[in-house]
Amino acid sequence: MIETFPKQSWAKALKGFFQTAIHLRNRYHRKEVMTFSGYMRRVFQLESELDDLLSQPVHNQAARNLKERFLTHRDQLLVFLHGPDVPPTNNESEPSVTNQSNPP
């Protein structure tokens, strides 16, 4: 969506938000210097930042559609921060799905 609407600051902010959240998760799981309480404090801050982003107005239909999907699934967007076995993206699962749908 950012590529389609390069001036869409909401989409840029959302992309940056998820990059920050994924980076936090990766740092914590690599056992970099961070206590569990410090990690959880940052997770709760990110939860609040996401709610702020989702409350902002958007100015085109594509952004409204994305925002509506995110609001519908809000409770599932940051599961990867709370569950250590939940990957932040589906990149790891896509090859296995492709391989299953295209057997040799």
C-alpha atoms as a PDB file:
ATOM      1  CA  MET A   1       0.000   0.000   0.000  1.00  0.00           C
ATOM      2  CA  ILE A   2       2.869   2.388   0.729  1.00  0.00           C
ATOM      3  CA  GLU A   3       4.165   1.823  -2.794  1.00  0.00           C
ATOM      4  CA  THR A   4       0.714   2.688  -4.229  1.00  0.00           C
ATOM      5  CA  PHE A   5       0.259   5.781  -2.041  1.00  0.00           C
ATOM      6  CA  PRO A   6       3.770   7.018  -1.169  1.00  0.00           C
ATOM      7  CA  LYS A   7       2.443  10.078   0.655  1.00  0.00           C
ATOM      8  CA  GLN A   8       0.270   7.993   2.974  1.00  0.00           C
ATOM      9  CA  SER A   9       1.919   8.831   6.287  1.00  0.00           C
ATOM     10  CA  TRP A  10      -0.409   6.497   8.230  1.00  0.00           C
ATOM     11  CA  ALA A  11       0.779   3.485   6.251  1.00  0.00           C
ATOM     12  CA  LYS A  12       4.411   4.547   6.685  1.00  0.00           C
ATOM     13  CA  ALA A  13       3.904   4.924  10.422  1.00  0.00           C
ATOM     14  CA  LEU A  14       2.236   1.505  10.589  1.00  0.00           C
ATOM     15  CA  LYS A  15       5.091  -0.116   8.682  1.00  0.00           C
ATOM     16  CA  GLY A  16       7.617   1.501  11.019  1.00  0.00           C
ATOM     17  CA  PHE A  17       5.595   0.382  14.015  1.00  0.00           C
ATOM     18  CA  PHE A  18       5.656  -3.280  12.966  1.00  0.00           C
ATOM     19  CA  GLN A  19       9.370  -3.084  12.161  1.00  0.00           C
ATOM     20  CA  THR A  20       9.981  -1.770  15.681  1.00  0.00           C
ATOM     21  CA  ALA A  21       7.814  -4.494  17.240  1.00  0.00           C
ATOM     22  CA  ILE A  22       9.577  -7.259  15.296  1.00  0.00           C
ATOM     23  CA  HIS A  23      12.983  -5.822  16.207  1.00  0.00           C
ATOM     24  CA  LEU A  24      12.028  -5.768  19.901  1.00  0.00           C
ATOM     25  CA  ARG A  25      10.897  -9.403  19.769  1.00  0.00           C
ATOM     26  CA  ASN A  26      14.051 -10.495  17.974  1.00  0.00           C
ATOM     27  CA  ARG A  27      16.299  -8.655  20.433  1.00  0.00           C
ATOM     28  CA  TYR A  28      14.566 -10.227  23.403  1.00  0.00           C
ATOM     29  CA  HIS A  29      14.651 -13.742  21.962  1.00  0.00           C
ATOM     30  CA  ARG A  30      18.349 -13.398  21.091  1.00  0.00           C
ATOM     31  CA  LYS A  31      18.833 -12.752  24.814  1.00  0.00           C
ATOM     32  CA  GLU A  32      20.251  -9.291  24.284  1.00  0.00           C
ATOM     33  CA  VAL A  33      20.479  -7.108  27.361  1.00  0.00           C
ATOM     34  CA  MET A  34      16.840  -6.809  28.389  1.00  0.00           C
ATOM     35  CA  THR A  35      14.962  -8.025  31.419  1.00  0.00           C
ATOM     36  CA  PHE A  36      11.562  -9.655  31.132  1.00  0.00           C
ATOM     37  CA  SER A  37       9.967  -6.718  32.959  1.00  0.00           C
ATOM     38  CA  GLY A  38      11.690  -4.261  30.605  1.00  0.00           C
ATOM     39  CA  TYR A  39      10.501  -6.272  27.620  1.00  0.00           C
ATOM     40  CA  MET A  40       6.914  -6.374  28.877  1.00  0.00           C
ATOM     41  CA  ARG A  41       6.951  -2.654  29.663  1.00  0.00           C
ATOM     42  CA  ARG A  42       7.966  -1.995  26.045  1.00  0.00           C
ATOM     43  CA  VAL A  43       5.321  -4.453  24.763  1.00  0.00           C
ATOM     44  CA  PHE A  44       2.612  -2.552  26.631  1.00  0.00           C
ATOM     45  CA  GLN A  45       3.937   0.717  25.206  1.00  0.00           C
ATOM     46  CA  LEU A  46       3.742  -0.775  21.720  1.00  0.00           C
ATOM     47  CA  GLU A  47       0.187  -1.982  22.358  1.00  0.00           C
ATOM     48  CA  SER A  48      -0.749   1.600  23.244  1.00  0.00           C
ATOM     49  CA  GLU A  49       1.078   2.988  20.183  1.00  0.00           C
ATOM     50  CA  LEU A  50      -0.841   0.581  17.942  1.00  0.00           C
ATOM     51  CA  ASP A  51      -4.139   1.711  19.437  1.00  0.00           C
ATOM     52  CA  ASP A  52      -3.123   5.321  18.781  1.00  0.00           C
ATOM     53  CA  LEU A  53      -2.263   4.512  15.163  1.00  0.00           C
ATOM     54  CA  LEU A  54      -5.557   2.693  14.652  1.00  0.00           C
ATOM     55  CA  SER A  55      -7.479   5.668  16.015  1.00  0.00           C
ATOM     56  CA  GLN A  56      -5.988   8.085  13.466  1.00  0.00           C
ATOM     57  CA  PRO A  57      -8.031   9.109  10.439  1.00  0.00           C
ATOM     58  CA  VAL A  58      -7.005   7.752   7.044  1.00  0.00           C
ATOM     59  CA  HIS A  59      -7.601   9.451   3.723  1.00  0.00           C
ATOM     60  CA  ASN A  60      -8.078   6.840   1.022  1.00  0.00           C
ATOM     61  CA  GLN A  61     -10.070   3.670   0.497  1.00  0.00           C
ATOM     62  CA  ALA A  62      -7.109   1.279   0.545  1.00  0.00           C
ATOM     63  CA  ALA A  63      -5.987   2.642   3.912  1.00  0.00           C
ATOM     64  CA  ARG A  64      -9.557   2.495   5.256  1.00  0.00           C
ATOM     65  CA  ASN A  65      -9.822  -1.153   4.187  1.00  0.00           C
ATOM     66  CA  LEU A  66      -6.525  -2.013   5.863  1.00  0.00           C
ATOM     67  CA  LYS A  67      -7.452  -0.103   8.997  1.00  0.00           C
ATOM     68  CA  GLU A  68     -10.804  -1.901   9.188  1.00  0.00           C
ATOM     69  CA  ARG A  69      -9.106  -5.320   8.886  1.00  0.00           C
ATOM     70  CA  PHE A  70      -6.611  -4.364  11.579  1.00  0.00           C
ATOM     71  CA  LEU A  71      -9.382  -3.147  13.878  1.00  0.00           C
ATOM     72  CA  THR A  72     -11.317  -6.376  13.302  1.00  0.00           C
ATOM     73  CA  HIS A  73      -8.268  -8.482  14.170  1.00  0.00           C
ATOM     74  CA  ARG A  74      -6.663  -6.102  16.686  1.00  0.00           C
ATOM     75  CA  ASP A  75      -6.240  -8.774  19.367  1.00  0.00           C
ATOM     76  CA  GLN A  76      -4.226 -10.945  16.957  1.00  0.00           C
ATOM     77  CA  LEU A  77      -1.827  -8.353  15.545  1.00  0.00           C
ATOM     78  CA  LEU A  78       0.836  -8.548  18.260  1.00  0.00           C
ATOM     79  CA  VAL A  79       0.539 -12.173  19.341  1.00  0.00           C
ATOM     80  CA  PHE A  80       4.171 -12.678  18.303  1.00  0.00           C
ATOM     81  CA  LEU A  81       5.233 -10.370  21.155  1.00  0.00           C
ATOM     82  CA  HIS A  82       3.462 -12.520  23.748  1.00  0.00           C
ATOM     83  CA  GLY A  83       4.098 -16.030  22.436  1.00  0.00           C
ATOM     84  CA  PRO A  84       7.733 -17.062  22.007  1.00  0.00           C
ATOM     85  CA  ASP A  85       6.780 -19.789  19.518  1.00  0.00           C
ATOM     86  CA  VAL A  86       4.792 -17.427  17.291  1.00  0.00           C
ATOM     87  CA  PRO A  87       6.874 -16.027  14.419  1.00  0.00           C
ATOM     88  CA  PRO A  88       6.317 -12.336  13.644  1.00  0.00           C
ATOM     89  CA  THR A  89       5.773 -13.030   9.926  1.00  0.00           C
ATOM     90  CA  ASN A  90       4.516 -15.899   7.824  1.00  0.00           C
ATOM     91  CA  ASN A  91       7.747 -16.009   5.794  1.00  0.00           C
ATOM     92  CA  GLU A  92       8.774 -19.344   7.314  1.00  0.00           C
ATOM     93  CA  SER A  93       5.437 -21.020   6.580  1.00  0.00           C
ATOM     94  CA  GLU A  94       5.026 -19.890   2.968  1.00  0.00           C
ATOM     95  CA  PRO A  95       7.577 -22.321   1.440  1.00  0.00           C
ATOM     96  CA  SER A  96       5.961 -25.294   3.175  1.00  0.00           C
ATOM     97  CA  VAL A  97       2.503 -24.264   1.955  1.00  0.00           C
ATOM     98  CA  THR A  98       3.827 -23.815  -1.579  1.00  0.00           C
ATOM     99  CA  ASN A  99       5.556 -27.200  -1.465  1.00  0.00           C
ATOM    100  CA  GLN A 100       2.373 -28.907  -0.240  1.00  0.00           C
ATOM    101  CA  SER A 101       0.227 -27.339  -2.935  1.00  0.00           C
ATOM    102  CA  ASN A 102       2.745 -28.248  -5.671  1.00  0.00           C
ATOM    103  CA  PRO A 103       3.855 -31.819  -4.923  1.00  0.00           C
ATOM    104  CA  PRO A 104       6.622 -33.286  -7.122  1.00  0.00           C
END
